Amino acid sequence: MSEFEFTKSTYSSGDAHGECVEVARNIPTTIAVRDSKEPNGPLLRLTPTTWSAFTAHVGAV
């Protein structure tokens, strides 16, 4: 999984529970999302189009 370069979401809380979402956007055809508490756990892989639709929807809620 080293091909993805993850960064924490700016919306993630900084509390002691570590509830963070990390996103990797360095691969042009894939947006990868993971739980920061499980860096070796499952990845959600999205197309850039799907990621844009998701973030637009989340921003509208």
Protein backbone atom coordinates (compact mmCIF):
# COMPACT_ATOMS: atom_id res chain seq x y z
CA MET A 1 0.00 0.00 0.00
CA SER A 2 2.99 2.28 -0.13
CA GLU A 3 1.96 3.73 -3.51
CA PHE A 4 -0.65 5.89 -1.77
CA GLU A 5 0.45 9.03 0.07
CA PHE A 6 -2.16 9.59 2.76
CA THR A 7 -3.00 12.84 4.53
CA LYS A 8 -5.47 13.35 7.35
CA SER A 9 -8.71 15.06 6.61
CA THR A 10 -8.92 18.67 7.78
CA TYR A 11 -12.31 17.73 9.25
CA SER A 12 -10.88 14.99 11.47
CA SER A 13 -10.91 15.65 15.17
CA GLY A 14 -7.67 15.96 17.06
CA ASP A 15 -8.96 14.24 20.18
CA ALA A 16 -7.33 11.34 22.00
CA HIS A 17 -9.60 8.80 20.31
CA GLY A 18 -7.89 9.40 16.98
CA GLU A 19 -11.06 9.49 14.92
CA CYS A 20 -9.50 10.42 11.60
CA VAL A 21 -10.05 9.75 7.95
CA GLU A 22 -7.01 9.77 5.69
CA VAL A 23 -7.19 10.43 1.97
CA ALA A 24 -4.62 9.78 -0.76
CA ARG A 25 -4.98 11.76 -4.00
CA ASN A 26 -1.54 11.19 -5.52
CA ILE A 27 -2.68 8.56 -8.04
CA PRO A 28 -4.56 10.33 -10.88
CA THR A 29 -7.10 7.54 -11.43
CA THR A 30 -7.80 6.59 -7.80
CA ILE A 31 -8.73 8.35 -4.58
CA ALA A 32 -8.00 6.11 -1.58
CA VAL A 33 -9.64 6.55 1.82
CA ARG A 34 -8.78 4.75 5.05
CA ASP A 35 -9.29 4.89 8.80
CA SER A 36 -6.17 6.33 10.45
CA LYS A 37 -6.57 3.89 13.36
CA GLU A 38 -6.21 0.99 10.88
CA PRO A 39 -3.42 2.03 8.46
CA ASN A 40 -3.02 -1.56 7.26
CA GLY A 41 -6.76 -2.15 7.15
CA PRO A 42 -9.13 -1.97 4.21
CA LEU A 43 -9.06 0.88 1.70
CA LEU A 44 -11.97 2.50 -0.03
CA ARG A 45 -10.88 3.20 -3.61
CA LEU A 46 -12.90 5.71 -5.61
CA THR A 47 -12.66 7.28 -9.03
CA PRO A 48 -12.04 11.04 -9.02
CA THR A 49 -15.59 11.56 -10.37
CA THR A 50 -17.12 9.53 -7.54
CA TRP A 51 -14.94 11.32 -4.97
CA SER A 52 -16.07 14.71 -6.28
CA ALA A 53 -19.72 13.67 -6.08
CA PHE A 54 -19.23 12.33 -2.53
CA THR A 55 -17.48 15.47 -1.26
CA ALA A 56 -20.10 17.70 -2.91
CA HIS A 57 -22.85 15.76 -1.18
CA VAL A 58 -21.11 15.81 2.21
CA GLY A 59 -20.54 19.56 1.86
CA ALA A 60 -24.24 20.08 1.16
CA VAL A 61 -25.39 18.22 4.30
